[in-house]
Amino acid sequence: YFAVAFIILAEGSSAWSHAGSGCGSVHRTSSSRREACQALITSTLTIICSTAALTPMPAHADVTNKLASTAALRSLSRTQRQLPNKLLPPARSNNYVGIKTCLREPPFDTLRKDMLTLVRGGEDGPAADELLRAYKRLIKSLEAIDATSSLGMRGRSSSVDPFQLGLDYEDVKSAMDSFVSVASEAAGIPLQEYTQQMPIGSIDSRSGKVTSRVL
């Protein structure tokens, strides 16, 4: 756009200059026109640059973040489904080492990264504040259950309420449910797409009987 405006105005200036090359008075008139044209070019470019500077930049939550949020929500929903199978058993048995280990293994090892991706993806949306609150709540609950496990591992299990890990687990589960729900809404992605379990089946090679189950 800048280049086109400059070329058009410059060609006009050149045409005026060539048209006035026949005599001295005309040459002076041509010089005045050329100076006026140059001033016009400067003014026009100034207006164009000012307009470009005032043009709003695209929102951060663009297509790239949308795709990243989709992958992060899928991963987070998978982690959510694994809570009763992986985190609840050691919480019920006060297995402090088991809790610490579980939080640092798949799928929980990517939990914080997935959460941050979703927060960034929805930072320009109407649910940004609610999403940030849900994020802080989930982080706080995860840090709480991890801290309880640390106390138990340091030989202070006698000072830890025997029901504390169970309570911490319920806080994590509740905070996880809340965050996934808000993140799904903020990203504009139907939650059912990732929470629905995929049915699969197996076939007995001898009888041909099909046994269905879900992941």
C-alpha atoms as a PDB file:
ATOM      1  CA  TYR A   1       0.000   0.000   0.000  1.00  0.00           C
ATOM      2  CA  PHE A   2       2.792   2.392   0.939  1.00  0.00           C
ATOM      3  CA  ALA A   3       4.726   1.562  -2.225  1.00  0.00           C
ATOM      4  CA  VAL A   4       1.704   2.039  -4.505  1.00  0.00           C
ATOM      5  CA  ALA A   5       0.891   5.443  -3.010  1.00  0.00           C
ATOM      6  CA  PHE A   6       4.507   6.564  -3.330  1.00  0.00           C
ATOM      7  CA  ILE A   7       4.816   5.401  -6.968  1.00  0.00           C
ATOM      8  CA  ILE A   8       1.568   7.095  -8.030  1.00  0.00           C
ATOM      9  CA  LEU A   9       2.533  10.401  -6.451  1.00  0.00           C
ATOM     10  CA  ALA A  10       6.121  10.203  -7.668  1.00  0.00           C
ATOM     11  CA  GLU A  11       4.995   9.573 -11.250  1.00  0.00           C
ATOM     12  CA  GLY A  12       2.729  12.587 -11.035  1.00  0.00           C
ATOM     13  CA  SER A  13       5.663  14.691  -9.886  1.00  0.00           C
ATOM     14  CA  SER A  14       7.842  13.418 -12.746  1.00  0.00           C
ATOM     15  CA  ALA A  15       5.154  14.123 -15.346  1.00  0.00           C
ATOM     16  CA  TRP A  16       4.779  17.697 -14.102  1.00  0.00           C
ATOM     17  CA  SER A  17       8.542  18.138 -14.257  1.00  0.00           C
ATOM     18  CA  HIS A  18       8.891  16.902 -17.875  1.00  0.00           C
ATOM     19  CA  ALA A  19       5.942  18.923 -19.088  1.00  0.00           C
ATOM     20  CA  GLY A  20       7.544  22.148 -17.933  1.00  0.00           C
ATOM     21  CA  SER A  21      11.037  21.761 -19.438  1.00  0.00           C
ATOM     22  CA  GLY A  22      10.385  24.058 -22.445  1.00  0.00           C
ATOM     23  CA  CYS A  23      11.197  27.526 -20.951  1.00  0.00           C
ATOM     24  CA  GLY A  24      12.466  29.246 -17.834  1.00  0.00           C
ATOM     25  CA  SER A  25       9.143  30.516 -16.523  1.00  0.00           C
ATOM     26  CA  VAL A  26       7.544  27.162 -17.082  1.00  0.00           C
ATOM     27  CA  HIS A  27      10.571  25.526 -15.430  1.00  0.00           C
ATOM     28  CA  ARG A  28      10.042  27.654 -12.343  1.00  0.00           C
ATOM     29  CA  THR A  29       6.395  26.709 -12.317  1.00  0.00           C
ATOM     30  CA  SER A  30       7.396  23.069 -12.701  1.00  0.00           C
ATOM     31  CA  SER A  31       9.791  23.375  -9.771  1.00  0.00           C
ATOM     32  CA  SER A  32       7.021  24.794  -7.609  1.00  0.00           C
ATOM     33  CA  ARG A  33       4.737  21.975  -8.646  1.00  0.00           C
ATOM     34  CA  ARG A  34       7.457  19.436  -7.920  1.00  0.00           C
ATOM     35  CA  GLU A  35       7.975  20.868  -4.441  1.00  0.00           C
ATOM     36  CA  ALA A  36       4.219  20.829  -3.854  1.00  0.00           C
ATOM     37  CA  CYS A  37       4.072  17.220  -5.013  1.00  0.00           C
ATOM     38  CA  GLN A  38       6.890  16.213  -2.670  1.00  0.00           C
ATOM     39  CA  ALA A  39       5.085  17.896   0.198  1.00  0.00           C
ATOM     40  CA  LEU A  40       1.931  15.988  -0.782  1.00  0.00           C
ATOM     41  CA  ILE A  41       3.867  12.711  -0.792  1.00  0.00           C
ATOM     42  CA  THR A  42       5.208  13.394   2.705  1.00  0.00           C
ATOM     43  CA  SER A  43       1.743  14.290   4.029  1.00  0.00           C
ATOM     44  CA  THR A  44       0.137  11.243   2.423  1.00  0.00           C
ATOM     45  CA  LEU A  45       2.734   8.836   3.824  1.00  0.00           C
ATOM     46  CA  THR A  46       2.365  10.417   7.265  1.00  0.00           C
ATOM     47  CA  ILE A  47      -1.395   9.851   7.180  1.00  0.00           C
ATOM     48  CA  ILE A  48      -0.940   6.244   5.975  1.00  0.00           C
ATOM     49  CA  CYS A  49       1.588   5.466   8.729  1.00  0.00           C
ATOM     50  CA  SER A  50      -0.646   7.036  11.378  1.00  0.00           C
ATOM     51  CA  THR A  51      -3.612   5.000  10.184  1.00  0.00           C
ATOM     52  CA  ALA A  52      -1.543   1.797  10.238  1.00  0.00           C
ATOM     53  CA  ALA A  53      -0.365   2.532  13.767  1.00  0.00           C
ATOM     54  CA  LEU A  54      -3.963   2.917  14.949  1.00  0.00           C
ATOM     55  CA  THR A  55      -5.089  -0.355  13.362  1.00  0.00           C
ATOM     56  CA  PRO A  56      -5.706  -2.889  16.163  1.00  0.00           C
ATOM     57  CA  MET A  57      -3.495  -5.969  16.239  1.00  0.00           C
ATOM     58  CA  PRO A  58      -5.082  -9.422  16.015  1.00  0.00           C
ATOM     59  CA  ALA A  59      -6.117 -11.021  19.312  1.00  0.00           C
ATOM     60  CA  HIS A  60      -3.661 -13.387  20.936  1.00  0.00           C
ATOM     61  CA  ALA A  61      -6.175 -16.229  21.058  1.00  0.00           C
ATOM     62  CA  ASP A  62      -5.805 -16.892  17.335  1.00  0.00           C
ATOM     63  CA  VAL A  63      -6.076 -20.068  15.307  1.00  0.00           C
ATOM     64  CA  THR A  64      -2.746 -21.381  16.607  1.00  0.00           C
ATOM     65  CA  ASN A  65      -3.889 -21.077  20.212  1.00  0.00           C
ATOM     66  CA  LYS A  66      -7.204 -22.661  19.259  1.00  0.00           C
ATOM     67  CA  LEU A  67      -5.429 -25.753  17.968  1.00  0.00           C
ATOM     68  CA  ALA A  68      -3.121 -25.850  20.991  1.00  0.00           C
ATOM     69  CA  SER A  69      -6.108 -25.501  23.323  1.00  0.00           C
ATOM     70  CA  THR A  70      -7.856 -28.401  21.624  1.00  0.00           C
ATOM     71  CA  ALA A  71      -4.867 -30.691  22.197  1.00  0.00           C
ATOM     72  CA  ALA A  72      -4.409 -29.456  25.777  1.00  0.00           C
ATOM     73  CA  LEU A  73      -8.075 -30.015  26.630  1.00  0.00           C
ATOM     74  CA  ARG A  74      -7.927 -33.534  25.219  1.00  0.00           C
ATOM     75  CA  SER A  75      -4.858 -34.296  27.354  1.00  0.00           C
ATOM     76  CA  LEU A  76      -6.409 -32.720  30.447  1.00  0.00           C
ATOM     77  CA  SER A  77      -9.647 -34.659  30.039  1.00  0.00           C
ATOM     78  CA  ARG A  78      -7.621 -37.866  29.823  1.00  0.00           C
ATOM     79  CA  THR A  79      -5.871 -36.937  33.086  1.00  0.00           C
ATOM     80  CA  GLN A  80      -9.238 -36.178  34.670  1.00  0.00           C
ATOM     81  CA  ARG A  81     -10.489 -39.691  33.851  1.00  0.00           C
ATOM     82  CA  GLN A  82      -7.369 -41.211  35.402  1.00  0.00           C
ATOM     83  CA  LEU A  83      -7.861 -39.575  38.820  1.00  0.00           C
ATOM     84  CA  PRO A  84      -9.974 -42.385  40.353  1.00  0.00           C
ATOM     85  CA  ASN A  85      -7.624 -45.077  39.023  1.00  0.00           C
ATOM     86  CA  LYS A  86      -4.230 -43.561  39.775  1.00  0.00           C
ATOM     87  CA  LEU A  87      -4.497 -40.864  42.428  1.00  0.00           C
ATOM     88  CA  LEU A  88      -7.375 -42.094  44.588  1.00  0.00           C
ATOM     89  CA  PRO A  89      -5.911 -45.497  45.661  1.00  0.00           C
ATOM     90  CA  PRO A  90      -2.720 -44.070  47.235  1.00  0.00           C
ATOM     91  CA  ALA A  91      -4.772 -41.263  48.792  1.00  0.00           C
ATOM     92  CA  ARG A  92      -7.076 -43.762  50.484  1.00  0.00           C
ATOM     93  CA  SER A  93      -4.210 -45.874  51.807  1.00  0.00           C
ATOM     94  CA  ASN A  94      -2.119 -42.872  52.911  1.00  0.00           C
ATOM     95  CA  ASN A  95       0.605 -43.911  50.510  1.00  0.00           C
ATOM     96  CA  TYR A  96       2.625 -40.684  50.577  1.00  0.00           C
ATOM     97  CA  VAL A  97       5.323 -41.975  48.253  1.00  0.00           C
ATOM     98  CA  GLY A  98       2.654 -43.193  45.840  1.00  0.00           C
ATOM     99  CA  ILE A  99       1.072 -39.724  45.678  1.00  0.00           C
ATOM    100  CA  LYS A 100       4.424 -38.038  45.006  1.00  0.00           C
ATOM    101  CA  THR A 101       5.251 -40.567  42.310  1.00  0.00           C
ATOM    102  CA  CYS A 102       1.833 -40.372  40.662  1.00  0.00           C
ATOM    103  CA  LEU A 103       1.954 -36.594  40.320  1.00  0.00           C
ATOM    104  CA  ARG A 104       5.249 -36.837  38.447  1.00  0.00           C
ATOM    105  CA  GLU A 105       4.314 -39.578  36.009  1.00  0.00           C
ATOM    106  CA  PRO A 106       2.088 -39.604  32.907  1.00  0.00           C
ATOM    107  CA  PRO A 107      -0.512 -38.320  32.477  1.00  0.00           C
ATOM    108  CA  PHE A 108      -0.063 -35.961  35.432  1.00  0.00           C
ATOM    109  CA  ASP A 109       3.420 -34.799  34.422  1.00  0.00           C
ATOM    110  CA  THR A 110       1.996 -32.575  31.655  1.00  0.00           C
ATOM    111  CA  LEU A 111      -0.864 -31.235  33.761  1.00  0.00           C
ATOM    112  CA  ARG A 112       0.597 -27.802  34.469  1.00  0.00           C
ATOM    113  CA  LYS A 113       1.668 -27.287  30.842  1.00  0.00           C
ATOM    114  CA  ASP A 114      -1.797 -28.191  29.541  1.00  0.00           C
ATOM    115  CA  MET A 115      -3.422 -25.849  32.030  1.00  0.00           C
ATOM    116  CA  LEU A 116      -1.185 -22.932  31.026  1.00  0.00           C
ATOM    117  CA  THR A 117      -1.932 -23.570  27.343  1.00  0.00           C
ATOM    118  CA  LEU A 118      -5.653 -23.324  28.026  1.00  0.00           C
ATOM    119  CA  VAL A 119      -5.256 -20.186  30.136  1.00  0.00           C
ATOM    120  CA  ARG A 120      -3.258 -18.483  27.382  1.00  0.00           C
ATOM    121  CA  GLY A 121      -5.728 -19.632  24.738  1.00  0.00           C
ATOM    122  CA  GLY A 122      -8.626 -18.020  26.586  1.00  0.00           C
ATOM    123  CA  GLU A 123      -6.886 -14.887  27.852  1.00  0.00           C
ATOM    124  CA  ASP A 124      -8.740 -12.633  25.376  1.00  0.00           C
ATOM    125  CA  GLY A 125     -12.142 -14.232  25.884  1.00  0.00           C
ATOM    126  CA  PRO A 126     -15.047 -13.284  28.167  1.00  0.00           C
ATOM    127  CA  ALA A 127     -14.268 -16.163  30.558  1.00  0.00           C
ATOM    128  CA  ALA A 128     -10.610 -15.181  31.058  1.00  0.00           C
ATOM    129  CA  ASP A 129     -10.995 -14.154  34.710  1.00  0.00           C
ATOM    130  CA  GLU A 130     -13.041 -17.223  35.619  1.00  0.00           C
ATOM    131  CA  LEU A 131     -10.518 -19.445  33.850  1.00  0.00           C
ATOM    132  CA  LEU A 132      -7.626 -17.886  35.769  1.00  0.00           C
ATOM    133  CA  ARG A 133      -9.427 -18.402  39.089  1.00  0.00           C
ATOM    134  CA  ALA A 134     -10.099 -22.046  38.224  1.00  0.00           C
ATOM    135  CA  TYR A 135      -6.438 -22.455  37.274  1.00  0.00           C
ATOM    136  CA  LYS A 136      -5.212 -21.033  40.596  1.00  0.00           C
ATOM    137  CA  ARG A 137      -7.638 -23.219  42.514  1.00  0.00           C
ATOM    138  CA  LEU A 138      -6.425 -26.391  40.793  1.00  0.00           C
ATOM    139  CA  ILE A 139      -2.768 -25.471  41.270  1.00  0.00           C
ATOM    140  CA  LYS A 140      -3.422 -24.798  44.964  1.00  0.00           C
ATOM    141  CA  SER A 141      -5.130 -28.179  45.439  1.00  0.00           C
ATOM    142  CA  LEU A 142      -2.294 -30.043  43.706  1.00  0.00           C
ATOM    143  CA  GLU A 143       0.305 -28.263  45.813  1.00  0.00           C
ATOM    144  CA  ALA A 144      -1.697 -29.087  48.958  1.00  0.00           C
ATOM    145  CA  ILE A 145      -1.822 -32.840  48.325  1.00  0.00           C
ATOM    146  CA  ASP A 146       1.853 -32.798  47.378  1.00  0.00           C
ATOM    147  CA  ALA A 147       2.723 -30.937  50.601  1.00  0.00           C
ATOM    148  CA  THR A 148       0.758 -33.432  52.694  1.00  0.00           C
ATOM    149  CA  SER A 149       2.694 -36.270  51.053  1.00  0.00           C
ATOM    150  CA  SER A 150       5.981 -34.521  51.763  1.00  0.00           C
ATOM    151  CA  LEU A 151       5.132 -34.285  55.461  1.00  0.00           C
ATOM    152  CA  GLY A 152       4.258 -37.979  55.568  1.00  0.00           C
ATOM    153  CA  MET A 153       7.513 -38.933  53.819  1.00  0.00           C
ATOM    154  CA  ARG A 154       9.599 -36.941  56.298  1.00  0.00           C
ATOM    155  CA  GLY A 155       8.489 -39.105  59.199  1.00  0.00           C
ATOM    156  CA  ARG A 156       5.818 -36.666  60.352  1.00  0.00           C
ATOM    157  CA  SER A 157       2.925 -38.943  59.521  1.00  0.00           C
ATOM    158  CA  SER A 158       1.835 -38.820  63.156  1.00  0.00           C
ATOM    159  CA  SER A 159       1.144 -35.094  62.774  1.00  0.00           C
ATOM    160  CA  VAL A 160      -0.826 -35.611  59.562  1.00  0.00           C
ATOM    161  CA  ASP A 161      -4.551 -36.294  59.847  1.00  0.00           C
ATOM    162  CA  PRO A 162      -5.140 -39.846  58.546  1.00  0.00           C
ATOM    163  CA  PHE A 163      -8.003 -38.510  56.432  1.00  0.00           C
ATOM    164  CA  GLN A 164      -6.051 -35.560  55.034  1.00  0.00           C
ATOM    165  CA  LEU A 165      -4.919 -37.212  51.815  1.00  0.00           C
ATOM    166  CA  GLY A 166      -8.491 -38.249  51.107  1.00  0.00           C
ATOM    167  CA  LEU A 167      -9.693 -34.693  51.656  1.00  0.00           C
ATOM    168  CA  ASP A 168      -6.892 -33.347  49.477  1.00  0.00           C
ATOM    169  CA  TYR A 169      -7.873 -35.766  46.722  1.00  0.00           C
ATOM    170  CA  GLU A 170     -11.487 -34.552  46.797  1.00  0.00           C
ATOM    171  CA  ASP A 171     -10.232 -30.975  46.488  1.00  0.00           C
ATOM    172  CA  VAL A 172      -8.106 -31.934  43.479  1.00  0.00           C
ATOM    173  CA  LYS A 173     -11.005 -33.749  41.817  1.00  0.00           C
ATOM    174  CA  SER A 174     -13.421 -30.870  42.388  1.00  0.00           C
ATOM    175  CA  ALA A 175     -10.916 -28.282  41.162  1.00  0.00           C
ATOM    176  CA  MET A 176     -10.086 -30.421  38.127  1.00  0.00           C
ATOM    177  CA  ASP A 177     -13.754 -30.780  37.175  1.00  0.00           C
ATOM    178  CA  SER A 178     -14.238 -27.035  37.496  1.00  0.00           C
ATOM    179  CA  PHE A 179     -11.184 -26.132  35.455  1.00  0.00           C
ATOM    180  CA  VAL A 180     -11.959 -28.550  32.617  1.00  0.00           C
ATOM    181  CA  SER A 181     -15.523 -27.246  32.414  1.00  0.00           C
ATOM    182  CA  VAL A 182     -14.484 -23.569  32.347  1.00  0.00           C
ATOM    183  CA  ALA A 183     -11.609 -24.237  29.938  1.00  0.00           C
ATOM    184  CA  SER A 184     -13.918 -26.070  27.549  1.00  0.00           C
ATOM    185  CA  GLU A 185     -16.332 -23.150  27.540  1.00  0.00           C
ATOM    186  CA  ALA A 186     -13.560 -20.569  27.179  1.00  0.00           C
ATOM    187  CA  ALA A 187     -11.998 -22.418  24.253  1.00  0.00           C
ATOM    188  CA  GLY A 188     -15.361 -22.901  22.561  1.00  0.00           C
ATOM    189  CA  ILE A 189     -14.855 -26.673  22.434  1.00  0.00           C
ATOM    190  CA  PRO A 190     -17.716 -29.050  23.378  1.00  0.00           C
ATOM    191  CA  LEU A 191     -16.703 -30.906  26.505  1.00  0.00           C
ATOM    192  CA  GLN A 192     -18.538 -34.066  25.418  1.00  0.00           C
ATOM    193  CA  GLU A 193     -16.050 -34.462  22.599  1.00  0.00           C
ATOM    194  CA  TYR A 194     -13.302 -35.364  25.063  1.00  0.00           C
ATOM    195  CA  THR A 195     -15.120 -36.753  28.089  1.00  0.00           C
ATOM    196  CA  GLN A 196     -16.985 -39.456  26.206  1.00  0.00           C
ATOM    197  CA  GLN A 197     -15.176 -42.759  26.535  1.00  0.00           C
ATOM    198  CA  MET A 198     -14.375 -44.617  23.344  1.00  0.00           C
ATOM    199  CA  PRO A 199     -16.023 -48.053  23.038  1.00  0.00           C
ATOM    200  CA  ILE A 200     -13.806 -50.859  21.796  1.00  0.00           C
ATOM    201  CA  GLY A 201     -14.163 -54.612  21.651  1.00  0.00           C
ATOM    202  CA  SER A 202     -12.317 -57.894  21.451  1.00  0.00           C
ATOM    203  CA  ILE A 203     -13.174 -61.065  19.523  1.00  0.00           C
ATOM    204  CA  ASP A 204     -12.617 -64.549  20.853  1.00  0.00           C
ATOM    205  CA  SER A 205     -10.728 -66.430  18.112  1.00  0.00           C
ATOM    206  CA  ARG A 206     -12.421 -69.731  18.966  1.00  0.00           C
ATOM    207  CA  SER A 207     -16.039 -68.850  19.651  1.00  0.00           C
ATOM    208  CA  GLY A 208     -16.209 -65.620  17.663  1.00  0.00           C
ATOM    209  CA  LYS A 209     -17.854 -63.906  20.649  1.00  0.00           C
ATOM    210  CA  VAL A 210     -17.417 -60.128  20.796  1.00  0.00           C
ATOM    211  CA  THR A 211     -16.755 -58.556  24.201  1.00  0.00           C
ATOM    212  CA  SER A 212     -17.197 -54.787  24.372  1.00  0.00           C
ATOM    213  CA  ARG A 213     -15.490 -52.440  26.813  1.00  0.00           C
ATOM    214  CA  VAL A 214     -14.556 -48.774  27.061  1.00  0.00           C
ATOM    215  CA  LEU A 215     -11.208 -47.073  27.398  1.00  0.00           C
END
